[in-house]
Amino acid sequence: MSANTPHPKFMDAMRKLSAMSEEERLSEQNRELFEQAIAYAPLDIQPQLIAIQKKYEQPLH
């Protein structure tokens, strides 16, 4: 697998996540999918995904 080709698990997770609304994407039942996307993300994309995840882990007031 070339270094430029994202991992299939990343591609799968991102395909599923991009088909959802933002609320669905960040819901508890999709947390695992989001974590899968982060775990298999290319290193240059990982920080962006982690930043998004952190933003939504803060309690909504």
PDB file of N, CA and C in Angstrom:
ATOM      1  N   MET A   1       0.857  -1.189   0.000  1.00  0.00           N
ATOM      2  CA  MET A   1       0.000   0.000   0.000  1.00  0.00           C
ATOM      3  C   MET A   1       0.893   1.238   0.000  1.00  0.00           C
ATOM      4  N   SER A   2       0.666   2.154  -0.896  1.00  0.00           N
ATOM      5  CA  SER A   2       1.506   3.335  -0.961  1.00  0.00           C
ATOM      6  C   SER A   2       1.176   4.275   0.194  1.00  0.00           C
ATOM      7  N   ALA A   3       2.133   5.094   0.561  1.00  0.00           N
ATOM      8  CA  ALA A   3       1.962   6.007   1.692  1.00  0.00           C
ATOM      9  C   ALA A   3       0.879   7.046   1.398  1.00  0.00           C
ATOM     10  N   ASN A   4       0.601   7.275   0.122  1.00  0.00           N
ATOM     11  CA  ASN A   4      -0.398   8.286  -0.250  1.00  0.00           C
ATOM     12  C   ASN A   4      -1.813   7.745  -0.262  1.00  0.00           C
ATOM     13  N   THR A   5      -1.964   6.424  -0.162  1.00  0.00           N
ATOM     14  CA  THR A   5      -3.292   5.827  -0.215  1.00  0.00           C
ATOM     15  C   THR A   5      -3.832   5.657   1.192  1.00  0.00           C
ATOM     16  N   PRO A   6      -4.940   6.339   1.506  1.00  0.00           N
ATOM     17  CA  PRO A   6      -5.511   6.167   2.850  1.00  0.00           C
ATOM     18  C   PRO A   6      -5.924   4.717   3.094  1.00  0.00           C
ATOM     19  N   HIS A   7      -5.867   4.319   4.337  1.00  0.00           N
ATOM     20  CA  HIS A   7      -6.236   2.971   4.753  1.00  0.00           C
ATOM     21  C   HIS A   7      -7.704   2.708   4.399  1.00  0.00           C
ATOM     22  N   PRO A   8      -8.029   1.491   3.943  1.00  0.00           N
ATOM     23  CA  PRO A   8      -9.434   1.179   3.598  1.00  0.00           C
ATOM     24  C   PRO A   8     -10.414   1.428   4.748  1.00  0.00           C
ATOM     25  N   LYS A   9      -9.983   1.166   5.998  1.00  0.00           N
ATOM     26  CA  LYS A   9     -10.877   1.398   7.136  1.00  0.00           C
ATOM     27  C   LYS A   9     -11.159   2.889   7.308  1.00  0.00           C
ATOM     28  N   PHE A  10     -10.156   3.722   7.002  1.00  0.00           N
ATOM     29  CA  PHE A  10     -10.349   5.166   7.053  1.00  0.00           C
ATOM     30  C   PHE A  10     -11.344   5.590   5.972  1.00  0.00           C
ATOM     31  N   MET A  11     -11.135   5.073   4.766  1.00  0.00           N
ATOM     32  CA  MET A  11     -12.012   5.426   3.646  1.00  0.00           C
ATOM     33  C   MET A  11     -13.458   5.010   3.950  1.00  0.00           C
ATOM     34  N   ASP A  12     -13.630   3.820   4.513  1.00  0.00           N
ATOM     35  CA  ASP A  12     -14.948   3.304   4.856  1.00  0.00           C
ATOM     36  C   ASP A  12     -15.611   4.186   5.916  1.00  0.00           C
ATOM     37  N   ALA A  13     -14.873   4.501   6.970  1.00  0.00           N
ATOM     38  CA  ALA A  13     -15.416   5.332   8.047  1.00  0.00           C
ATOM     39  C   ALA A  13     -15.791   6.715   7.519  1.00  0.00           C
ATOM     40  N   MET A  14     -14.933   7.309   6.699  1.00  0.00           N
ATOM     41  CA  MET A  14     -15.206   8.650   6.188  1.00  0.00           C
ATOM     42  C   MET A  14     -16.411   8.644   5.242  1.00  0.00           C
ATOM     43  N   ARG A  15     -16.551   7.580   4.466  1.00  0.00           N
ATOM     44  CA  ARG A  15     -17.698   7.481   3.553  1.00  0.00           C
ATOM     45  C   ARG A  15     -18.994   7.458   4.366  1.00  0.00           C
ATOM     46  N   LYS A  16     -19.001   6.655   5.424  1.00  0.00           N
ATOM     47  CA  LYS A  16     -20.196   6.564   6.276  1.00  0.00           C
ATOM     48  C   LYS A  16     -20.455   7.880   6.993  1.00  0.00           C
ATOM     49  N   LEU A  17     -19.397   8.470   7.549  1.00  0.00           N
ATOM     50  CA  LEU A  17     -19.550   9.721   8.303  1.00  0.00           C
ATOM     51  C   LEU A  17     -20.023  10.860   7.403  1.00  0.00           C
ATOM     52  N   SER A  18     -19.516  10.918   6.183  1.00  0.00           N
ATOM     53  CA  SER A  18     -19.888  12.034   5.312  1.00  0.00           C
ATOM     54  C   SER A  18     -21.327  11.927   4.822  1.00  0.00           C
ATOM     55  N   ALA A  19     -21.916  10.740   4.929  1.00  0.00           N
ATOM     56  CA  ALA A  19     -23.313  10.566   4.527  1.00  0.00           C
ATOM     57  C   ALA A  19     -24.283  10.980   5.636  1.00  0.00           C
ATOM     58  N   MET A  20     -23.745  11.270   6.817  1.00  0.00           N
ATOM     59  CA  MET A  20     -24.599  11.602   7.967  1.00  0.00           C
ATOM     60  C   MET A  20     -24.689  13.107   8.159  1.00  0.00           C
ATOM     61  N   SER A  21     -25.692  13.514   8.922  1.00  0.00           N
ATOM     62  CA  SER A  21     -25.752  14.914   9.352  1.00  0.00           C
ATOM     63  C   SER A  21     -24.700  15.105  10.441  1.00  0.00           C
ATOM     64  N   GLU A  22     -24.380  16.354  10.747  1.00  0.00           N
ATOM     65  CA  GLU A  22     -23.369  16.621  11.775  1.00  0.00           C
ATOM     66  C   GLU A  22     -23.785  16.039  13.119  1.00  0.00           C
ATOM     67  N   GLU A  23     -25.055  16.161  13.441  1.00  0.00           N
ATOM     68  CA  GLU A  23     -25.532  15.626  14.731  1.00  0.00           C
ATOM     69  C   GLU A  23     -25.355  14.118  14.802  1.00  0.00           C
ATOM     70  N   GLU A  24     -25.731  13.430  13.731  1.00  0.00           N
ATOM     71  CA  GLU A  24     -25.573  11.966  13.699  1.00  0.00           C
ATOM     72  C   GLU A  24     -24.104  11.589  13.836  1.00  0.00           C
ATOM     73  N   ARG A  25     -23.284  12.315  13.108  1.00  0.00           N
ATOM     74  CA  ARG A  25     -21.855  12.033  13.067  1.00  0.00           C
ATOM     75  C   ARG A  25     -21.259  12.080  14.462  1.00  0.00           C
ATOM     76  N   LEU A  26     -21.751  12.992  15.272  1.00  0.00           N
ATOM     77  CA  LEU A  26     -21.160  13.211  16.583  1.00  0.00           C
ATOM     78  C   LEU A  26     -21.935  12.540  17.707  1.00  0.00           C
ATOM     79  N   SER A  27     -22.925  11.751  17.348  1.00  0.00           N
ATOM     80  CA  SER A  27     -23.718  11.084  18.372  1.00  0.00           C
ATOM     81  C   SER A  27     -22.908   9.955  19.002  1.00  0.00           C
ATOM     82  N   GLU A  28     -23.359   9.547  20.164  1.00  0.00           N
ATOM     83  CA  GLU A  28     -22.666   8.508  20.929  1.00  0.00           C
ATOM     84  C   GLU A  28     -22.520   7.217  20.117  1.00  0.00           C
ATOM     85  N   GLN A  29     -23.575   6.825  19.372  1.00  0.00           N
ATOM     86  CA  GLN A  29     -23.490   5.544  18.662  1.00  0.00           C
ATOM     87  C   GLN A  29     -22.508   5.581  17.487  1.00  0.00           C
ATOM     88  N   ASN A  30     -22.110   6.758  17.043  1.00  0.00           N
ATOM     89  CA  ASN A  30     -21.143   6.844  15.951  1.00  0.00           C
ATOM     90  C   ASN A  30     -19.736   7.201  16.423  1.00  0.00           C
ATOM     91  N   ARG A  31     -19.572   7.295  17.728  1.00  0.00           N
ATOM     92  CA  ARG A  31     -18.251   7.627  18.288  1.00  0.00           C
ATOM     93  C   ARG A  31     -17.194   6.622  17.815  1.00  0.00           C
ATOM     94  N   GLU A  32     -17.560   5.342  17.808  1.00  0.00           N
ATOM     95  CA  GLU A  32     -16.610   4.311  17.397  1.00  0.00           C
ATOM     96  C   GLU A  32     -16.169   4.508  15.951  1.00  0.00           C
ATOM     97  N   LEU A  33     -17.126   4.861  15.103  1.00  0.00           N
ATOM     98  CA  LEU A  33     -16.813   5.095  13.694  1.00  0.00           C
ATOM     99  C   LEU A  33     -15.857   6.281  13.564  1.00  0.00           C
ATOM    100  N   PHE A  34     -16.104   7.319  14.332  1.00  0.00           N
ATOM    101  CA  PHE A  34     -15.243   8.502  14.307  1.00  0.00           C
ATOM    102  C   PHE A  34     -13.847   8.134  14.796  1.00  0.00           C
ATOM    103  N   GLU A  35     -13.801   7.320  15.862  1.00  0.00           N
ATOM    104  CA  GLU A  35     -12.502   6.894  16.390  1.00  0.00           C
ATOM    105  C   GLU A  35     -11.766   6.007  15.393  1.00  0.00           C
ATOM    106  N   GLN A  36     -12.518   5.206  14.650  1.00  0.00           N
ATOM    107  CA  GLN A  36     -11.904   4.381  13.599  1.00  0.00           C
ATOM    108  C   GLN A  36     -11.303   5.287  12.530  1.00  0.00           C
ATOM    109  N   ALA A  37     -12.038   6.317  12.149  1.00  0.00           N
ATOM    110  CA  ALA A  37     -11.535   7.250  11.139  1.00  0.00           C
ATOM    111  C   ALA A  37     -10.229   7.881  11.624  1.00  0.00           C
ATOM    112  N   ILE A  38     -10.198   8.288  12.893  1.00  0.00           N
ATOM    113  CA  ILE A  38      -8.983   8.901  13.449  1.00  0.00           C
ATOM    114  C   ILE A  38      -7.838   7.894  13.481  1.00  0.00           C
ATOM    115  N   ALA A  39      -8.134   6.693  13.938  1.00  0.00           N
ATOM    116  CA  ALA A  39      -7.091   5.675  14.088  1.00  0.00           C
ATOM    117  C   ALA A  39      -6.412   5.338  12.762  1.00  0.00           C
ATOM    118  N   TYR A  40      -7.179   5.349  11.678  1.00  0.00           N
ATOM    119  CA  TYR A  40      -6.622   4.940  10.384  1.00  0.00           C
ATOM    120  C   TYR A  40      -6.375   6.113   9.455  1.00  0.00           C
ATOM    121  N   ALA A  41      -6.567   7.323   9.950  1.00  0.00           N
ATOM    122  CA  ALA A  41      -6.385   8.505   9.106  1.00  0.00           C
ATOM    123  C   ALA A  41      -4.916   8.701   8.746  1.00  0.00           C
ATOM    124  N   PRO A  42      -4.677   9.227   7.550  1.00  0.00           N
ATOM    125  CA  PRO A  42      -3.301   9.632   7.225  1.00  0.00           C
ATOM    126  C   PRO A  42      -2.850  10.668   8.265  1.00  0.00           C
ATOM    127  N   LEU A  43      -1.576  10.671   8.586  1.00  0.00           N
ATOM    128  CA  LEU A  43      -1.085  11.534   9.661  1.00  0.00           C
ATOM    129  C   LEU A  43      -1.386  13.013   9.449  1.00  0.00           C
ATOM    130  N   ASP A  44      -1.456  13.460   8.205  1.00  0.00           N
ATOM    131  CA  ASP A  44      -1.729  14.878   7.969  1.00  0.00           C
ATOM    132  C   ASP A  44      -3.190  15.243   8.227  1.00  0.00           C
ATOM    133  N   ILE A  45      -4.060  14.252   8.239  1.00  0.00           N
ATOM    134  CA  ILE A  45      -5.494  14.496   8.449  1.00  0.00           C
ATOM    135  C   ILE A  45      -5.871  14.292   9.917  1.00  0.00           C
ATOM    136  N   GLN A  46      -5.138  13.425  10.593  1.00  0.00           N
ATOM    137  CA  GLN A  46      -5.438  13.079  11.987  1.00  0.00           C
ATOM    138  C   GLN A  46      -5.674  14.287  12.906  1.00  0.00           C
ATOM    139  N   PRO A  47      -4.792  15.289  12.914  1.00  0.00           N
ATOM    140  CA  PRO A  47      -5.006  16.419  13.832  1.00  0.00           C
ATOM    141  C   PRO A  47      -6.337  17.135  13.596  1.00  0.00           C
ATOM    142  N   GLN A  48      -6.772  17.233  12.349  1.00  0.00           N
ATOM    143  CA  GLN A  48      -8.046  17.884  12.041  1.00  0.00           C
ATOM    144  C   GLN A  48      -9.208  17.083  12.628  1.00  0.00           C
ATOM    145  N   LEU A  49      -9.166  15.771  12.489  1.00  0.00           N
ATOM    146  CA  LEU A  49     -10.234  14.925  13.021  1.00  0.00           C
ATOM    147  C   LEU A  49     -10.263  14.977  14.544  1.00  0.00           C
ATOM    148  N   ILE A  50      -9.096  14.975  15.162  1.00  0.00           N
ATOM    149  CA  ILE A  50      -9.022  15.032  16.623  1.00  0.00           C
ATOM    150  C   ILE A  50      -9.573  16.363  17.120  1.00  0.00           C
ATOM    151  N   ALA A  51      -9.281  17.453  16.409  1.00  0.00           N
ATOM    152  CA  ALA A  51      -9.791  18.771  16.781  1.00  0.00           C
ATOM    153  C   ALA A  51     -11.318  18.793  16.711  1.00  0.00           C
ATOM    154  N   ILE A  52     -11.875  18.188  15.672  1.00  0.00           N
ATOM    155  CA  ILE A  52     -13.336  18.116  15.537  1.00  0.00           C
ATOM    156  C   ILE A  52     -13.914  17.307  16.695  1.00  0.00           C
ATOM    157  N   GLN A  53     -13.301  16.179  16.982  1.00  0.00           N
ATOM    158  CA  GLN A  53     -13.800  15.324  18.057  1.00  0.00           C
ATOM    159  C   GLN A  53     -13.771  16.063  19.396  1.00  0.00           C
ATOM    160  N   LYS A  54     -12.690  16.764  19.684  1.00  0.00           N
ATOM    161  CA  LYS A  54     -12.564  17.486  20.958  1.00  0.00           C
ATOM    162  C   LYS A  54     -13.634  18.565  21.071  1.00  0.00           C
ATOM    163  N   LYS A  55     -13.895  19.232  19.968  1.00  0.00           N
ATOM    164  CA  LYS A  55     -14.896  20.303  19.947  1.00  0.00           C
ATOM    165  C   LYS A  55     -16.252  19.775  20.403  1.00  0.00           C
ATOM    166  N   TYR A  56     -16.550  18.545  20.022  1.00  0.00           N
ATOM    167  CA  TYR A  56     -17.856  17.978  20.331  1.00  0.00           C
ATOM    168  C   TYR A  56     -17.894  17.195  21.616  1.00  0.00           C
ATOM    169  N   GLU A  57     -16.732  16.968  22.227  1.00  0.00           N
ATOM    170  CA  GLU A  57     -16.727  16.295  23.514  1.00  0.00           C
ATOM    171  C   GLU A  57     -17.028  17.270  24.625  1.00  0.00           C
ATOM    172  N   GLN A  58     -16.900  18.564  24.344  1.00  0.00           N
ATOM    173  CA  GLN A  58     -17.242  19.563  25.353  1.00  0.00           C
ATOM    174  C   GLN A  58     -18.744  19.575  25.538  1.00  0.00           C
ATOM    175  N   PRO A  59     -19.213  19.702  26.783  1.00  0.00           N
ATOM    176  CA  PRO A  59     -20.654  19.723  27.039  1.00  0.00           C
ATOM    177  C   PRO A  59     -21.316  20.890  26.316  1.00  0.00           C
ATOM    178  N   LEU A  60     -22.480  20.637  25.776  1.00  0.00           N
ATOM    179  CA  LEU A  60     -23.223  21.691  25.080  1.00  0.00           C
ATOM    180  C   LEU A  60     -24.063  22.467  26.092  1.00  0.00           C
ATOM    181  N   HIS A  61     -23.808  23.756  26.173  1.00  0.00           N
ATOM    182  CA  HIS A  61     -24.573  24.597  27.110  1.00  0.00           C
ATOM    183  C   HIS A  61     -25.334  25.651  26.353  1.00  0.00           C
TER     184      HIS A  61
END
